[in-house]
C-alpha cells in the first residue's frame, strides 16, 4: 500500500511540475522546484517508515536454537529458504508459513516436535517476514522432495497465505490453520484443521467465523483452553494478545499432538 502511495505521490508531483513548466515563467519554475523538494522529503519519510516497519518484528527467543539442532530422531538441515525437519516419517510432509513479522526460527520448536512424532516439516523463510511476498515458496520444496502427501500449514498471516497457495494446487492434501483463516473456498478434496487458543487476542473472530463457510464439511476445529496467539511460536508476548494460561512449549506440544492425530485420521489407505 505504501508503494502505491509513493507512486501516486510522484506521479502527481511530476504532473504538477510539468504544468508549471509549460507556463514558461520564472516564478513557476521556482514553484516547481519547491514541489520537487517537498516530494523528495515526502519520499524520504515514506522510505524511513517502510524501513522501520519491516525491521520491527518479533525475534525468535534464544531457546529456539536447541530445536534447530539435529537429534538422534530428527535431522535439521537448511534448505534454500528455510529449514527441513526430517524425522522418522517418510510419506507425509508439512510446509509451514510463519506469521507476519515473526522471525521464522521462532517456529522451530513446533516443527521439531512434529518431526519427532513422524510428520516431516519444512519451515519457510519469507521475504521481509511477510508471507504474502512469498506465497509460492512451497513450490520449490514440493518439486525437490518426493513425499506422497503434502499439507500446507501457517500461523496467522502465514496460514492465510498457505491456504491461498493450496487453493491453486491440487497436490496439497490439506490445510492446517493456526490462529488463522483463509478468504477463498477450500476444495472438498482438501482436509482442513483449524486450531486456536481460547485466550487469543489477535485473531479476528468475526472474520474467522465468516471464513468457516468456505470450509469443506469434513473440517475439524479445535480450541486450546488457555492457549493464546503467540503461543504457537517461541518469540514472547505479542502486541494485542492476551496472556496464555500455559507455556508456549505446552501449547506447541498440544498442537503437534492434534496435528499428527488429524493427519493419521485423514490418511487415505494404500
Protein backbone atom coordinates (compact mmCIF):
# COMPACT_ATOMS: atom_id res chain seq x y z
CA UNK A 1 0.00 0.00 0.00
CA UNK A 2 2.87 2.35 0.79
CA UNK A 3 4.45 1.60 -2.57
CA UNK A 4 1.24 2.52 -4.38
CA UNK A 5 1.02 5.75 -2.38
CA UNK A 6 4.60 6.64 -3.29
CA UNK A 7 3.92 6.06 -6.98
CA UNK A 8 0.81 8.23 -6.76
CA UNK A 9 2.73 10.96 -4.96
CA UNK A 10 5.49 11.01 -7.56
CA UNK A 11 3.02 10.97 -10.46
CA UNK A 12 1.02 13.86 -9.02
CA UNK A 13 4.13 15.89 -8.34
CA UNK A 14 5.55 15.25 -11.80
CA UNK A 15 2.28 16.32 -13.43
CA UNK A 16 2.19 19.48 -11.33
CA UNK A 17 5.77 20.39 -12.23
CA UNK A 18 5.15 19.73 -15.92
CA UNK A 19 2.11 22.02 -15.84
CA UNK A 20 4.05 24.82 -14.20
CA UNK A 21 6.96 24.50 -16.59
CA UNK A 22 4.63 24.83 -19.57
CA UNK A 23 3.77 28.30 -18.27
CA UNK A 24 7.32 29.32 -19.03
CA UNK A 25 7.54 31.74 -16.14
CA UNK A 26 10.38 32.10 -13.70
CA UNK A 27 8.12 32.04 -10.68
CA UNK A 28 6.52 28.86 -11.98
CA UNK A 29 9.93 27.27 -12.26
CA UNK A 30 10.67 28.23 -8.67
CA UNK A 31 7.31 26.80 -7.58
CA UNK A 32 8.15 23.60 -9.47
CA UNK A 33 11.42 23.27 -7.61
CA UNK A 34 9.62 23.74 -4.30
CA UNK A 35 7.20 20.97 -5.21
CA UNK A 36 10.09 18.65 -6.11
CA UNK A 37 11.73 19.47 -2.79
CA UNK A 38 8.55 18.64 -0.89
CA UNK A 39 8.18 15.42 -2.87
CA UNK A 40 11.74 14.44 -2.04
CA UNK A 41 11.14 14.98 1.67
CA UNK A 42 7.88 13.03 1.49
CA UNK A 43 9.53 10.10 -0.27
CA UNK A 44 12.37 10.08 2.25
CA UNK A 45 9.87 9.97 5.12
CA UNK A 46 7.93 7.14 3.48
CA UNK A 47 11.12 5.20 2.93
CA UNK A 48 12.07 5.66 6.58
CA UNK A 49 8.61 4.46 7.67
CA UNK A 50 8.94 1.38 5.45
CA UNK A 51 12.37 0.56 6.88
CA UNK A 52 11.15 0.94 10.46
CA UNK A 53 8.09 -1.20 9.70
CA UNK A 54 9.93 -4.16 8.21
CA UNK A 55 12.73 -4.05 10.79
CA UNK A 56 10.32 -4.02 13.73
CA UNK A 57 9.47 -7.68 14.15
CA UNK A 58 9.21 -10.50 16.68
CA UNK A 59 12.51 -12.30 17.11
CA UNK A 60 12.97 -15.94 17.99
CA UNK A 61 13.91 -16.46 21.64
CA UNK A 62 17.34 -18.00 22.41
CA UNK A 63 15.85 -21.37 23.35
CA UNK A 64 14.82 -21.99 19.74
CA UNK A 65 18.45 -22.79 18.94
CA UNK A 66 18.02 -26.23 20.51
CA UNK A 67 15.20 -27.02 18.07
CA UNK A 68 17.47 -26.09 15.15
CA UNK A 69 19.97 -28.74 16.22
CA UNK A 70 19.75 -32.31 14.93
CA UNK A 71 19.00 -35.12 17.38
CA UNK A 72 19.00 -38.91 17.13
CA UNK A 73 15.45 -38.87 15.76
CA UNK A 74 15.26 -35.58 13.83
CA UNK A 75 17.78 -34.27 11.34
CA UNK A 76 17.61 -30.49 10.90
CA UNK A 77 19.05 -29.12 7.69
CA UNK A 78 19.00 -25.82 5.85
CA UNK A 79 17.17 -25.52 2.55
CA UNK A 80 17.18 -22.59 0.12
CA UNK A 81 14.54 -20.59 2.00
CA UNK A 82 14.42 -22.08 5.45
CA UNK A 83 14.83 -25.44 7.17
CA UNK A 84 13.87 -29.09 6.83
CA UNK A 85 12.98 -31.19 9.89
CA UNK A 86 13.46 -34.79 8.82
CA UNK A 87 12.16 -37.32 11.35
CA UNK A 88 11.15 -40.98 11.14
CA UNK A 89 8.19 -40.25 8.83
CA UNK A 90 8.56 -40.96 5.11
CA UNK A 91 5.20 -40.44 3.36
CA UNK A 92 3.82 -37.13 4.61
CA UNK A 93 5.32 -33.65 4.98
CA UNK A 94 4.07 -30.29 6.20
CA UNK A 95 5.12 -26.97 4.67
CA UNK A 96 4.86 -24.15 7.21
CA UNK A 97 4.43 -20.40 6.55
CA UNK A 98 5.31 -18.15 9.54
CA UNK A 99 3.13 -15.40 10.96
CA UNK A 100 3.57 -11.84 9.75
CA UNK A 101 6.62 -10.00 11.09
CA UNK A 102 7.81 -13.05 13.03
CA UNK A 103 11.30 -14.48 12.58
CA UNK A 104 10.85 -17.92 11.04
CA UNK A 105 13.17 -19.64 13.53
CA UNK A 106 10.59 -18.91 16.26
CA UNK A 107 8.57 -21.86 14.93
CA UNK A 108 11.44 -24.35 15.02
CA UNK A 109 10.33 -25.95 18.34
CA UNK A 110 6.85 -26.73 16.97
CA UNK A 111 8.16 -28.21 13.73
CA UNK A 112 10.85 -30.20 15.54
CA UNK A 113 8.09 -31.66 17.73
CA UNK A 114 6.06 -32.58 14.65
CA UNK A 115 9.05 -34.31 13.03
CA UNK A 116 9.73 -36.31 16.19
CA UNK A 117 6.14 -37.52 16.05
CA UNK A 118 6.53 -38.72 12.46
CA UNK A 119 5.46 -35.73 10.35
CA UNK A 120 8.41 -34.23 8.48
CA UNK A 121 8.20 -30.47 8.18
CA UNK A 122 9.62 -27.57 6.18
CA UNK A 123 9.94 -24.13 7.77
CA UNK A 124 9.84 -21.42 5.10
CA UNK A 125 11.61 -18.08 5.49
CA UNK A 126 9.61 -15.25 3.90
CA UNK A 127 10.86 -12.03 2.26
CA UNK A 128 10.77 -9.26 4.89
CA UNK A 129 8.99 -11.79 7.15
CA UNK A 130 5.71 -11.27 5.26
CA UNK A 131 4.18 -14.41 3.76
CA UNK A 132 2.25 -12.58 1.03
CA UNK A 133 5.62 -11.76 -0.53
CA UNK A 134 6.48 -15.46 -0.85
CA UNK A 135 3.21 -17.33 -1.37
CA UNK A 136 4.74 -19.69 -3.94
CA UNK A 137 7.84 -20.68 -1.97
CA UNK A 138 6.28 -24.06 -1.28
CA UNK A 139 6.61 -24.85 -4.98
CA UNK A 140 10.36 -25.46 -4.92
CA UNK A 141 10.05 -27.72 -1.87
CA UNK A 142 7.34 -29.86 -3.44
CA UNK A 143 9.37 -30.23 -6.64
CA UNK A 144 12.55 -31.30 -4.85
CA UNK A 145 11.22 -33.77 -2.29
CA UNK A 146 9.24 -36.90 -3.07
CA UNK A 147 6.62 -37.13 -0.36
CA UNK A 148 3.32 -38.75 -1.34
CA UNK A 149 1.16 -36.34 0.67
CA UNK A 150 1.61 -32.65 1.37
CA UNK A 151 -0.05 -30.39 3.93
CA UNK A 152 0.16 -26.60 3.99
CA UNK A 153 0.22 -25.01 7.43
CA UNK A 154 0.63 -21.48 8.68
CA UNK A 155 0.24 -19.20 11.66
CA UNK A 156 -1.87 -16.03 11.41
CA UNK A 157 -0.93 -14.27 8.12
CA UNK A 158 1.10 -17.35 7.18
CA UNK A 159 -2.00 -19.53 7.43
CA UNK A 160 -3.96 -17.26 5.09
CA UNK A 161 -1.16 -17.38 2.52
CA UNK A 162 -0.73 -21.15 2.92
CA UNK A 163 -4.43 -21.53 2.13
CA UNK A 164 -4.04 -19.24 -0.87
CA UNK A 165 -1.28 -21.46 -2.23
CA UNK A 166 -3.23 -24.66 -1.52
CA UNK A 167 -6.25 -23.28 -3.34
CA UNK A 168 -4.33 -23.37 -6.61
CA UNK A 169 -2.53 -26.69 -6.13
CA UNK A 170 -4.45 -29.96 -6.10
CA UNK A 171 -1.34 -31.80 -4.91
CA UNK A 172 -1.94 -30.33 -1.44
CA UNK A 173 -3.94 -32.84 0.63
CA UNK A 174 -4.89 -30.48 3.43
CA UNK A 175 -4.59 -27.12 5.16
CA UNK A 176 -3.79 -26.55 8.82
CA UNK A 177 -4.67 -23.14 10.25
CA UNK A 178 -3.03 -21.94 13.45
CA UNK A 179 -4.95 -18.88 14.72
CA UNK A 180 -5.75 -18.12 11.11
CA UNK A 181 -8.28 -18.39 8.29
CA UNK A 182 -8.39 -18.22 4.51
CA UNK A 183 -10.52 -15.97 2.32
CA UNK A 184 -11.33 -18.37 -0.52
CA UNK A 185 -13.40 -21.52 -0.77
CA UNK A 186 -11.49 -24.69 0.06
CA UNK A 187 -11.94 -27.80 -2.07
CA UNK A 188 -13.88 -30.73 -0.63
CA UNK A 189 -10.86 -32.82 -1.62
CA UNK A 190 -8.64 -30.96 0.85
CA UNK A 191 -8.79 -31.68 4.57
CA UNK A 192 -8.93 -28.74 6.98
CA UNK A 193 -7.78 -28.47 10.59
CA UNK A 194 -8.13 -25.20 12.47
CA UNK A 195 -6.56 -24.63 15.88
CA UNK A 196 -6.60 -21.50 18.02
CA UNK A 197 -6.30 -20.64 21.69
CA UNK A 198 -9.14 -19.56 23.94
CA UNK A 199 -7.11 -16.54 25.09
CA UNK A 200 -6.21 -15.32 21.58
CA UNK A 201 -6.45 -11.53 21.48
CA UNK A 202 -5.21 -11.07 17.91
CA UNK A 203 -7.36 -13.37 15.79
CA UNK A 204 -10.34 -11.51 14.27
CA UNK A 205 -13.14 -13.77 15.47
CA UNK A 206 -15.84 -12.18 13.29
CA UNK A 207 -13.85 -12.72 10.10
CA UNK A 208 -12.82 -16.16 11.28
CA UNK A 209 -16.46 -17.21 11.71
CA UNK A 210 -17.33 -15.91 8.24
CA UNK A 211 -14.40 -17.82 6.72
CA UNK A 212 -15.71 -21.10 8.13
CA UNK A 213 -18.43 -21.00 5.46
CA UNK A 214 -15.65 -21.77 2.94
CA UNK A 215 -14.54 -24.95 4.71
CA UNK A 216 -15.42 -28.43 3.49
CA UNK A 217 -17.89 -30.37 5.62
CA UNK A 218 -15.11 -32.61 6.93
CA UNK A 219 -13.22 -29.67 8.52
CA UNK A 220 -12.03 -30.09 12.11
CA UNK A 221 -11.85 -27.24 14.60
CA UNK A 222 -10.03 -27.28 17.93
CA UNK A 223 -9.76 -24.63 20.63
CA UNK A 224 -6.88 -24.98 23.08
CA UNK A 225 -8.13 -23.96 26.53
CA UNK A 226 -5.71 -21.37 27.89
CA UNK A 227 -3.76 -21.00 24.64
CA UNK A 228 -3.14 -17.62 23.04
CA UNK A 229 -2.00 -16.24 19.68
CA UNK A 230 1.76 -16.08 20.24
CA UNK A 231 1.96 -19.50 21.87
CA UNK A 232 2.26 -21.30 18.53
CA UNK A 233 5.70 -19.76 18.19
CA UNK A 234 8.58 -19.07 20.55
CA UNK A 235 9.01 -15.32 20.32
CA UNK A 236 7.49 -13.96 23.52
CA UNK A 237 4.40 -11.77 24.04
CA UNK A 238 2.67 -10.22 21.04
CA UNK A 239 1.03 -6.83 20.97
CA UNK A 240 -2.74 -7.08 21.36
CA UNK A 241 -2.62 -10.67 22.55
CA UNK A 242 -3.89 -11.92 25.91
CA UNK A 243 -1.75 -13.76 28.41
CA UNK A 244 -1.85 -17.50 27.93
CA UNK A 245 -2.61 -19.84 30.79
CA UNK A 246 0.15 -22.24 29.71
CA UNK A 247 3.68 -22.02 28.38
CA UNK A 248 4.37 -21.77 24.67
CA UNK A 249 6.09 -25.16 24.86
CA UNK A 250 2.94 -26.75 26.29
CA UNK A 251 0.73 -25.11 23.69
CA UNK A 252 3.02 -26.37 20.94
CA UNK A 253 3.02 -29.89 22.36
CA UNK A 254 -0.78 -29.97 22.34
CA UNK A 255 -0.81 -28.51 18.82
CA UNK A 256 1.65 -31.06 17.47
CA UNK A 257 -0.28 -33.92 19.04
CA UNK A 258 -3.55 -32.74 17.50
CA UNK A 259 -1.98 -32.21 14.06
CA UNK A 260 -0.47 -35.69 14.00
CA UNK A 261 -3.74 -37.30 15.06
CA UNK A 262 -5.58 -35.29 12.40
CA UNK A 263 -3.22 -36.41 9.64
CA UNK A 264 -3.35 -40.04 10.78
CA UNK A 265 -7.16 -39.96 10.73
CA UNK A 266 -7.35 -38.47 7.24
CA UNK A 267 -4.69 -40.58 5.52
CA UNK A 268 -6.01 -42.50 2.56
CA UNK A 269 -5.42 -46.26 2.95
CA UNK A 270 -2.97 -47.83 0.48
